[in-house]
Structure formats: C-alpha cells, structure tokens
Amino acid sequence: MEIPTDRSPTKRFTVLILIVAGFMGLLFLSKFLYASISERIEPRPTLFSATVNSGALVNKVSAYGKLKPRKVKTIVSMVPGTVLEITADIGDELKVTDNILRLVNVELDSALETEKLNLLDEHSNHKLLQSNLSLDEITYKQEIETNIVKLRLANSELEARKLLFDKKVISKLEFEKSTLDKELAEQALAFSKEKHEAFLNSKESKLDSSQHQLAKIRQAVENLNYQIAQLDINANMHGTLYELLEDLQPGQSISKGQVIGKIADPNSLYAEITVAASDAPHVSAGQRVLLSIKGEQAFGVVNSVSPNVVENQVRVDVYIESELPVTARTNINVNAEIIASEIESTLVSERVSSVDFSHSKYSLYVKKQGMDAFRLTEVRVGELSNKEMQIISGVTIGDEILLSVPEGSIGKDVIKMDEFNG
C-alpha cells in the first residue's frame, strides 16, 4: 500500500532552510578548527619594538688590556756568579737597596785576598824604599859638606902659599900646586852637588813609581770589593718587582750583564689597551675612558693611538686621571670603554638590526602614538652606537619602532598589532 506524502511548499522550504543552515554551521566550524590548528602550528610572531625617547646618545668602544708602568728600571747583574739566595718575588714592594738576589763568586774572593797580600808587600817595599832613599840623601849631603870643608882648606892653603911665594920662600911650582888643589876641590864640590841633584830627581821618580804601584794595587782591591758588593743584587728604585728571571733558583749561574728583572714605579701606571681595527677610526686622543680594574672603576683619557694594526687590533695608551684602586698592580687585566662620542638632548631609540650606517635614511616600521599598526616610514638616523641610534627625523617622542620584522610581514606597508602574539 502506498504511503501518502506531504508535498506542501511550506514544508519543503523549511527542510531546505535546515539543510543550508547545517551546511553553514559545518563551514564555520571547519574554519574555526582550521584557524585554531593553524595558530598552533604557526604561532604569531613576538613583538620586538623600542620607544623613542629624548636623551643622550653615548657611543662607546669596548677595549681590554693591562696596566703598564711608565717608569721602569731594569735590574742587571754587574758581575758573574752563582745564585746563593733569592730574597724577593714578583709583586713585592721594594725600597732602594732592598735585596733581591745574592750571588757567590769564589774567584773574586780569591782575587781579593791575593791583591790584599800584594798591597801589604808593596806597602812594605815602599817603606823600605823611603828608608834607603833617606840614607842615600844623608850620604850625598855629607859628601857635599866634606867637599865644602876641603875647598875652604884649599883656599886657606893657597892664600898662605901665595904669601910665601911672594916672599920667595917657596917655589912657583909649589904655589901652582896649591892653585891646582883649589881647582880640584871646587870641581869635587860641584860634582857632589850635581850628584845630589841627580839623586833628588831619581828619588822623586822612584817614590812616584812606588806610590803609583801602591795606588794601582789599592784600586784593584777597591774594584774587587765593589764587584763583591755587587754580588748582592738590590733594588735600584722604590717600586714593585714585576719581572724576575724565569726559573731562577739557587745554584744557577748568572753571567755579567744578564737581566735579572724589572722594577716599576707604582705611581706611574697607565692602561695599555687594544681595540678592534674597525673601531680604531672612532678613537682619538683626549677621549674619556671608563676603566674596570678588578671590579673597581677608574677614569682616564686617551693619550695616544697607534697607527699600526697588529692581528686586527690597534693599541691605545690611556693616561689615568683618577686615583687607582689599592689592588692596582703592573700587568693586571683591565676592561675599558672609550667614549668615542656623546650627543645630549636628542631623540634616541634602540638600534634596529638593519641600520648599519650613520647619517642615512631608512624605511622603518613606526607606530605613532594612539595607532594600532606599524606603518612603513622614512626615518633619518644620525650617529650610531653599539645598541642605540640617534633619530633626526621621521618620528617623535613616544613613537614605537619595530626592531625585527616578521618574515611573513616583509614588504607590507602596514603591520597590524593583531599580527603579533599577545
């Protein structure tokens, strides 16, 4: 039997409406599920932005190095020897004449004893020479006195014989003999005086020679005493012992002229630092420097910048103006920040990764105050530091600059806030 059906138009329309509504519901549900799944698979990017502020832009150049002394004295061994004792170590504060090292030299000790004996012998010889010369001088003087007496007798005899000759008591021959005796006496006296004069001259020469020999031996003794004193190697200035011969130990041989170590004046320290060659053009004399020495701060100024590049580094010498920490020592590590430039009262923002050159124009995403989207904006930047940039135009205080553009938004003119997570 055939079942009758209701074929009224109203009922058919109702069914059609229900079918369409069900289809739309399924479509909405599938879209919602797709969006939810897509969001889980591809999460929205995190917003990284910076707010434009008014402040100072400080461009710092990082550097590192060590404290170095301006005033240094080298300790040199003046004599050869063998190390007997080491009395100082690196880092010790020393005063002038404080001992650092003691050497021994048996040859010097032996030579000194020999020269002392030579000095005693020569001193005795000198005394003996003086005594002999004094006796010789007495002899020569006595000879002169004797010849003077003989000459007087010859004169008296000549006068007496002249009277006798005038009275024709004696012959002419006898008178002439008296004249000859007088002449011989005069010659003998003159000769004795010449011998005495020659003796005096030779006496001075002999004494000078003996005294010279004495002085020579005394000088040798003094030199040996000085050399032996140099076996005690002492500090030659007040300061810190900051270098000492490597592997120095008792029994080690030290040669003459060998460098033992170095002493530095602790009040003359400066910072010898290095900067990357790429940063060197921004560094110049007179710039302020912030120093960190074992966690404590000090201040200085750039004194000089080396024109040479060594292993992609440039040396910079810093004069330290402030008082150094008590822990400051020669060769201590130093971290430094050089104030390459400083601009006050300007627009400043965190530096965008794509901004590489100063005083240039860039297209950056900027969100004005009260807006809900970042718009591509032409921004002119001025000076750059490692982390910040100066802004000349294109933004105002309070605006936000997008620091990192999501890959999916590159090339867009506008990036809405709802495209970011949160």
Protein backbone atom coordinates (compact mmCIF):
# COMPACT_ATOMS: atom_id res chain seq x y z
CA MET A 1 0.00 0.00 0.00
CA GLU A 2 1.47 3.42 -0.95
CA ILE A 3 2.16 5.83 1.92
CA PRO A 4 0.90 9.29 1.24
CA THR A 5 3.48 12.14 1.45
CA ASP A 6 3.09 15.76 2.37
CA ARG A 7 4.17 17.74 -0.65
CA SER A 8 3.17 21.17 0.58
CA PRO A 9 5.59 24.04 -0.48
CA THR A 10 5.99 25.34 3.08
CA LYS A 11 7.32 22.10 4.38
CA ARG A 12 9.78 21.71 1.51
CA PHE A 13 11.11 25.25 2.12
CA THR A 14 11.62 24.52 5.81
CA VAL A 15 13.67 21.44 5.01
CA LEU A 16 15.77 23.43 2.56
CA ILE A 17 16.45 26.09 5.20
CA LEU A 18 17.56 23.46 7.68
CA ILE A 19 19.92 21.90 5.14
CA VAL A 20 21.52 25.27 4.30
CA ALA A 21 21.85 26.19 7.99
CA GLY A 22 23.52 22.88 8.73
CA PHE A 23 25.94 23.38 5.85
CA MET A 24 26.83 26.90 7.04
CA GLY A 25 27.35 25.61 10.57
CA LEU A 26 29.70 22.93 9.32
CA LEU A 27 31.57 25.52 7.22
CA PHE A 28 32.00 27.89 10.20
CA LEU A 29 33.07 25.04 12.44
CA SER A 30 35.66 23.83 9.94
CA LYS A 31 37.01 27.37 9.52
CA PHE A 32 37.28 27.81 13.29
CA LEU A 33 39.01 24.47 13.68
CA TYR A 34 41.41 25.30 10.82
CA ALA A 35 42.26 28.67 12.35
CA SER A 36 42.82 27.08 15.73
CA ILE A 37 45.02 24.34 14.28
CA SER A 38 46.93 26.81 12.09
CA GLU A 39 47.56 29.05 15.07
CA ARG A 40 49.00 26.13 16.97
CA ILE A 41 51.14 25.03 14.05
CA GLU A 42 52.29 28.54 13.08
CA PRO A 43 52.19 30.80 16.19
CA ARG A 44 52.10 34.52 15.69
CA PRO A 45 55.50 36.28 16.00
CA THR A 46 56.55 38.06 19.19
CA LEU A 47 56.59 41.84 19.07
CA PHE A 48 60.03 43.43 19.44
CA SER A 49 59.84 47.21 19.44
CA ALA A 50 61.51 50.22 21.02
CA THR A 51 60.03 53.50 22.19
CA VAL A 52 61.59 56.75 21.01
CA ASN A 53 62.83 58.87 23.92
CA SER A 54 64.74 62.09 24.45
CA GLY A 55 68.16 61.62 25.98
CA ALA A 56 71.88 61.32 25.34
CA LEU A 57 73.46 59.04 22.77
CA VAL A 58 76.78 57.70 24.01
CA ASN A 59 78.93 55.78 21.56
CA LYS A 60 81.30 53.52 23.48
CA VAL A 61 84.16 51.47 22.08
CA SER A 62 84.99 48.39 24.11
CA ALA A 63 88.63 47.57 24.79
CA TYR A 64 90.79 45.43 27.03
CA GLY A 65 94.42 45.33 28.08
CA LYS A 66 96.75 45.63 31.06
CA LEU A 67 98.17 48.22 33.43
CA LYS A 68 101.71 49.16 32.43
CA PRO A 69 104.32 51.32 34.18
CA ARG A 70 105.71 54.46 32.56
CA LYS A 71 108.79 54.44 34.81
CA VAL A 72 110.69 51.16 34.76
CA LYS A 73 114.23 50.25 35.76
CA THR A 74 115.95 47.09 34.66
CA ILE A 75 117.94 45.08 37.20
CA VAL A 76 121.18 43.82 35.68
CA SER A 77 123.87 41.64 37.22
CA MET A 78 127.12 43.63 37.19
CA VAL A 79 129.27 40.57 37.93
CA PRO A 80 129.09 36.86 37.17
CA GLY A 81 128.23 34.48 39.97
CA THR A 82 126.16 31.61 41.25
CA VAL A 83 122.77 32.14 42.89
CA LEU A 84 123.07 31.66 46.63
CA GLU A 85 119.68 33.00 47.79
CA ILE A 86 116.55 34.56 46.27
CA THR A 87 115.11 37.10 48.70
CA ALA A 88 112.28 38.74 46.68
CA ASP A 89 109.44 37.64 44.43
CA ILE A 90 107.25 39.16 41.72
CA GLY A 91 104.75 41.61 43.20
CA ASP A 92 106.91 42.55 46.20
CA GLU A 93 107.06 46.23 47.12
CA LEU A 94 110.73 47.19 47.35
CA LYS A 95 112.69 50.17 48.59
CA VAL A 96 116.03 51.31 47.24
CA THR A 97 118.81 48.89 48.31
CA ASP A 98 116.33 46.15 49.34
CA ASN A 99 117.94 42.85 48.41
CA ILE A 100 116.53 40.75 45.58
CA LEU A 101 119.22 38.16 44.95
CA ARG A 102 122.53 37.04 46.48
CA LEU A 103 125.34 35.56 44.38
CA VAL A 104 128.67 33.98 45.24
CA ASN A 105 131.89 34.09 43.24
CA VAL A 106 134.88 32.16 44.65
CA GLU A 107 137.25 33.57 42.04
CA LEU A 108 136.51 37.13 43.12
CA ASP A 109 137.06 36.24 46.78
CA SER A 110 140.40 34.59 45.93
CA ALA A 111 141.50 37.51 43.76
CA LEU A 112 140.68 39.93 46.57
CA GLU A 113 142.83 38.03 49.07
CA THR A 114 145.72 37.95 46.59
CA GLU A 115 145.52 41.69 45.96
CA LYS A 116 145.37 42.40 49.69
CA LEU A 117 148.64 40.47 50.14
CA ASN A 118 150.16 42.32 47.19
CA LEU A 119 149.13 45.58 48.81
CA LEU A 120 150.88 44.64 52.06
CA ASP A 121 154.04 43.66 50.17
CA GLU A 122 154.04 46.83 48.11
CA HIS A 123 153.45 48.94 51.19
CA SER A 124 156.49 47.32 52.86
CA ASN A 125 158.58 47.87 49.72
CA HIS A 126 157.55 51.50 49.67
CA LYS A 127 158.59 52.00 53.29
CA LEU A 128 161.93 50.30 52.60
CA LEU A 129 162.48 52.49 49.55
CA GLN A 130 161.77 55.62 51.56
CA SER A 131 164.26 54.50 54.23
CA ASN A 132 167.02 53.71 51.68
CA LEU A 133 166.49 56.97 49.87
CA SER A 134 166.73 58.88 53.14
CA LEU A 135 170.07 57.20 53.91
CA ASP A 136 171.35 57.94 50.42
CA GLU A 137 170.34 61.58 50.76
CA ILE A 138 172.25 61.86 54.05
CA THR A 139 175.33 60.38 52.34
CA TYR A 140 175.14 62.86 49.45
CA LYS A 141 174.70 65.78 51.83
CA GLN A 142 177.69 64.64 53.92
CA GLU A 143 179.78 64.41 50.78
CA ILE A 144 178.86 67.99 49.89
CA GLU A 145 179.73 69.19 53.39
CA THR A 146 183.08 67.38 53.20
CA ASN A 147 183.91 68.95 49.84
CA ILE A 148 182.97 72.38 51.18
CA VAL A 149 185.46 71.90 54.02
CA LYS A 150 188.11 70.69 51.59
CA LEU A 151 187.54 73.74 49.41
CA ARG A 152 187.94 76.03 52.40
CA LEU A 153 191.22 74.32 53.31
CA ALA A 154 192.41 74.60 49.72
CA ASN A 155 191.63 78.34 49.71
CA SER A 156 193.45 78.87 53.00
CA GLU A 157 196.44 76.89 51.79
CA LEU A 158 196.51 78.84 48.52
CA GLU A 159 196.48 82.17 50.36
CA ALA A 160 199.28 81.06 52.68
CA ARG A 161 201.45 79.77 49.86
CA LYS A 162 200.84 82.94 47.88
CA LEU A 163 202.39 84.94 50.75
CA LEU A 164 205.30 82.51 50.90
CA PHE A 165 205.69 82.64 47.13
CA ASP A 166 205.64 86.45 47.17
CA LYS A 167 208.44 86.32 49.81
CA LYS A 168 210.19 83.75 47.64
CA VAL A 169 210.08 81.20 50.40
CA ILE A 170 208.55 78.56 48.13
CA SER A 171 208.95 77.89 44.50
CA LYS A 172 206.48 78.74 41.78
CA LEU A 173 205.80 75.04 41.28
CA GLU A 174 204.66 74.63 44.87
CA PHE A 175 202.45 77.71 44.53
CA GLU A 176 200.85 76.40 41.34
CA LYS A 177 200.25 73.06 43.08
CA SER A 178 198.14 74.89 45.69
CA THR A 179 196.20 76.58 42.89
CA LEU A 180 195.54 73.18 41.32
CA ASP A 181 194.41 71.74 44.67
CA LYS A 182 191.88 74.56 44.99
CA GLU A 183 190.52 73.91 41.49
CA LEU A 184 190.22 70.19 42.23
CA ALA A 185 188.36 70.97 45.48
CA GLU A 186 185.97 73.24 43.58
CA GLN A 187 185.36 70.53 40.98
CA ALA A 188 184.76 67.92 43.68
CA LEU A 189 182.22 70.19 45.39
CA ALA A 190 180.43 70.91 42.11
CA PHE A 191 180.36 67.21 41.24
CA SER A 192 178.94 66.25 44.64
CA LYS A 193 176.22 68.88 44.22
CA GLU A 194 175.37 67.54 40.75
CA LYS A 195 175.18 64.01 42.14
CA HIS A 196 172.88 65.24 44.91
CA GLU A 197 170.64 67.00 42.38
CA ALA A 198 170.51 63.87 40.23
CA PHE A 199 169.72 61.83 43.32
CA LEU A 200 166.86 64.14 44.24
CA ASN A 201 165.41 63.76 40.74
CA SER A 202 165.72 59.98 40.81
CA LYS A 203 164.34 59.94 44.34
CA GLU A 204 161.13 61.65 43.17
CA SER A 205 160.82 59.24 40.25
CA LYS A 206 161.34 56.19 42.44
CA LEU A 207 158.85 57.43 45.04
CA ASP A 208 156.32 58.31 42.32
CA SER A 209 156.72 54.86 40.78
CA SER A 210 156.30 53.16 44.13
CA GLN A 211 153.27 55.28 45.02
CA HIS A 212 151.77 54.58 41.60
CA GLN A 213 152.18 50.86 42.17
CA LEU A 214 150.59 51.22 45.61
CA ALA A 215 147.68 53.18 44.14
CA LYS A 216 147.28 50.58 41.39
CA ILE A 217 147.01 47.74 43.90
CA ARG A 218 144.69 49.79 46.13
CA GLN A 219 142.46 50.42 43.11
CA ALA A 220 142.46 46.71 42.32
CA VAL A 221 141.38 45.98 45.90
CA GLU A 222 138.65 48.63 45.70
CA ASN A 223 137.43 47.23 42.37
CA LEU A 224 137.28 43.73 43.77
CA ASN A 225 135.47 44.95 46.89
CA TYR A 226 132.99 46.76 44.62
CA GLN A 227 132.46 43.65 42.48
CA ILE A 228 131.95 41.50 45.56
CA ALA A 229 129.43 44.05 46.86
CA GLN A 230 127.61 43.71 43.51
CA LEU A 231 127.04 40.03 44.29
CA ASP A 232 124.18 41.36 46.43
CA ILE A 233 121.72 42.42 43.71
CA ASN A 234 119.49 45.12 45.20
CA ALA A 235 116.56 47.27 44.10
CA ASN A 236 117.69 50.40 42.24
CA MET A 237 114.46 52.33 42.85
CA HIS A 238 111.35 52.30 45.00
CA GLY A 239 108.64 50.26 43.33
CA THR A 240 107.12 46.88 42.57
CA LEU A 241 109.13 43.93 41.32
CA TYR A 242 107.05 42.91 38.31
CA GLU A 243 109.51 40.80 36.34
CA LEU A 244 112.07 38.24 37.53
CA LEU A 245 114.31 35.90 35.58
CA GLU A 246 112.27 32.84 34.64
CA ASP A 247 113.01 29.61 36.54
CA LEU A 248 115.51 31.39 38.80
CA GLN A 249 116.80 29.05 41.50
CA PRO A 250 119.78 28.59 43.87
CA GLY A 251 122.85 27.14 42.17
CA GLN A 252 122.02 28.76 38.83
CA SER A 253 124.86 30.55 37.03
CA ILE A 254 124.40 34.24 36.28
CA SER A 255 126.58 35.99 33.71
CA LYS A 256 127.78 39.58 33.77
CA GLY A 257 125.24 41.92 32.18
CA GLN A 258 122.38 39.42 32.45
CA VAL A 259 118.95 40.94 33.09
CA ILE A 260 117.56 39.71 36.41
CA GLY A 261 114.23 41.53 36.46
CA LYS A 262 112.40 44.86 36.32
CA ILE A 263 111.05 47.25 38.93
CA ALA A 264 108.11 49.53 38.15
CA ASP A 265 107.06 52.75 39.82
CA PRO A 266 103.51 52.01 41.10
CA ASN A 267 102.65 55.70 40.84
CA SER A 268 103.32 55.83 37.10
CA LEU A 269 100.84 53.23 35.84
CA TYR A 270 98.89 53.70 32.62
CA ALA A 271 96.49 51.44 30.72
CA GLU A 272 97.75 49.80 27.55
CA ILE A 273 94.59 48.56 25.82
CA THR A 274 93.63 47.32 22.36
CA VAL A 275 90.55 47.98 20.23
CA ALA A 276 89.31 46.25 17.11
CA ALA A 277 90.75 47.72 13.93
CA SER A 278 87.21 48.51 12.75
CA ASP A 279 86.65 50.66 15.87
CA ALA A 280 90.02 52.43 15.72
CA PRO A 281 88.86 55.26 13.38
CA HIS A 282 86.39 56.35 16.09
CA VAL A 283 89.12 56.61 18.77
CA SER A 284 91.30 59.70 19.19
CA ALA A 285 93.45 61.40 21.81
CA GLY A 286 91.57 63.24 24.55
CA GLN A 287 88.51 60.97 24.65
CA ARG A 288 87.29 59.91 28.09
CA VAL A 289 87.80 56.29 29.16
CA LEU A 290 85.99 54.25 31.81
CA LEU A 291 88.26 51.58 33.29
CA SER A 292 87.36 48.50 35.28
CA ILE A 293 90.23 47.18 37.41
CA LYS A 294 89.35 44.07 39.38
CA GLY A 295 85.75 45.23 39.58
CA GLU A 296 86.64 48.77 40.68
CA GLN A 297 86.27 51.84 38.48
CA ALA A 298 88.86 54.37 37.41
CA PHE A 299 88.82 57.16 34.86
CA GLY A 300 91.29 58.26 32.23
CA VAL A 301 91.76 59.85 28.83
CA VAL A 302 93.16 58.50 25.57
CA ASN A 303 96.79 59.59 25.38
CA SER A 304 97.77 58.09 22.03
CA VAL A 305 96.51 55.74 19.31
CA SER A 306 98.99 53.57 17.46
CA PRO A 307 98.94 53.91 13.65
CA ASN A 308 99.77 50.22 13.27
CA VAL A 309 97.35 47.29 13.11
CA VAL A 310 98.58 44.03 14.67
CA GLU A 311 96.40 40.93 14.36
CA ASN A 312 93.39 43.14 13.60
CA GLN A 313 93.94 45.09 16.83
CA VAL A 314 95.13 48.66 17.45
CA ARG A 315 96.99 49.70 20.60
CA VAL A 316 95.66 52.63 22.65
CA ASP A 317 97.52 54.18 25.61
CA VAL A 318 95.34 55.66 28.35
CA TYR A 319 96.52 58.21 30.92
CA ILE A 320 94.78 57.51 34.24
CA GLU A 321 93.45 60.68 35.87
CA SER A 322 91.66 59.27 38.90
CA GLU A 323 93.15 57.55 41.91
CA LEU A 324 93.84 53.89 41.23
CA PRO A 325 92.29 51.14 43.37
CA VAL A 326 94.56 49.71 46.05
CA THR A 327 94.53 46.43 44.12
CA ALA A 328 96.10 48.04 41.04
CA ARG A 329 99.37 46.42 40.04
CA THR A 330 101.52 46.19 36.95
CA ASN A 331 100.21 43.69 34.35
CA ILE A 332 96.74 43.46 35.93
CA ASN A 333 93.97 42.95 33.37
CA VAL A 334 91.84 45.99 32.53
CA ASN A 335 88.49 46.28 30.77
CA ALA A 336 87.73 49.66 29.24
CA GLU A 337 85.03 51.62 27.47
CA ILE A 338 86.16 54.58 25.38
CA ILE A 339 83.59 57.36 25.00
CA ALA A 340 84.02 57.86 21.25
CA SER A 341 81.16 60.37 21.01
CA GLU A 342 78.36 61.77 23.17
CA ILE A 343 75.30 63.72 21.99
CA GLU A 344 73.00 65.21 24.61
CA SER A 345 69.27 66.08 24.33
CA THR A 346 68.44 64.20 21.15
CA LEU A 347 65.91 61.59 20.01
CA VAL A 348 67.21 58.13 20.84
CA SER A 349 65.95 54.64 20.17
CA GLU A 350 67.26 51.14 20.44
CA ARG A 351 69.15 50.35 17.26
CA VAL A 352 67.30 48.43 14.53
CA SER A 353 69.29 45.46 13.25
CA SER A 354 69.06 46.65 9.64
CA VAL A 355 70.56 50.09 10.43
CA ASP A 356 74.25 49.79 9.57
CA PHE A 357 75.33 53.29 8.55
CA SER A 358 75.16 56.60 10.37
CA HIS A 359 73.64 59.73 8.83
CA SER A 360 71.46 57.75 6.42
CA LYS A 361 67.78 57.30 5.58
CA TYR A 362 65.97 54.03 6.28
CA SER A 363 62.42 52.74 5.74
CA LEU A 364 61.36 51.56 9.18
CA TYR A 365 58.07 50.39 10.64
CA VAL A 366 56.80 53.07 13.03
CA LYS A 367 53.70 53.03 15.24
CA LYS A 368 52.55 56.51 16.10
CA GLN A 369 51.04 57.17 19.50
CA GLY A 370 47.38 56.08 19.66
CA MET A 371 47.63 53.98 16.48
CA ASP A 372 47.16 50.20 16.31
CA ALA A 373 49.55 49.41 13.46
CA PHE A 374 53.14 49.89 12.35
CA ARG A 375 53.45 51.79 9.07
CA LEU A 376 56.47 51.86 6.79
CA THR A 377 58.01 55.30 7.40
CA GLU A 378 61.12 57.07 6.11
CA VAL A 379 63.36 57.74 9.11
CA ARG A 380 66.63 59.64 9.03
CA VAL A 381 69.21 58.44 11.57
CA GLY A 382 72.26 60.33 12.83
CA GLU A 383 75.04 58.88 14.99
CA LEU A 384 75.10 55.21 15.93
CA SER A 385 76.33 53.37 18.99
CA ASN A 386 76.54 49.64 19.54
CA LYS A 387 73.00 49.46 20.93
CA GLU A 388 71.33 52.79 20.17
CA MET A 389 70.76 55.20 17.30
CA GLN A 390 70.12 58.91 17.06
CA ILE A 391 66.99 59.87 15.14
CA ILE A 392 66.97 63.11 13.17
CA SER A 393 63.50 62.98 11.58
CA GLY A 394 60.52 60.72 10.85
CA VAL A 395 59.39 60.02 14.42
CA THR A 396 58.54 61.85 17.62
CA ILE A 397 58.89 61.07 21.32
CA GLY A 398 56.67 58.16 22.34
CA ASP A 399 56.52 56.55 18.90
CA GLU A 400 57.43 52.88 18.64
CA ILE A 401 59.88 51.46 16.11
CA LEU A 402 59.69 47.83 15.10
CA LEU A 403 63.09 46.28 15.78
CA SER A 404 62.53 42.99 13.99
CA VAL A 405 60.12 42.49 11.05
CA PRO A 406 58.46 39.04 10.90
CA GLU A 407 59.21 37.11 7.73
CA GLY A 408 55.57 36.98 6.78
CA SER A 409 55.24 40.76 7.02
CA ILE A 410 58.28 41.77 4.98
CA GLY A 411 57.25 44.07 2.14
CA LYS A 412 53.96 45.16 3.72
CA ASP A 413 53.22 48.85 4.12
CA VAL A 414 51.24 48.22 7.30
CA ILE A 415 51.67 45.61 10.03
CA LYS A 416 48.75 45.44 12.45
CA MET A 417 49.19 44.76 16.13
CA ASP A 418 46.95 41.68 15.99
CA GLU A 419 49.54 40.03 13.77
CA PHE A 420 51.78 39.69 16.81
CA ASN A 421 51.47 37.30 19.69
CA GLY A 422 49.70 38.88 22.64
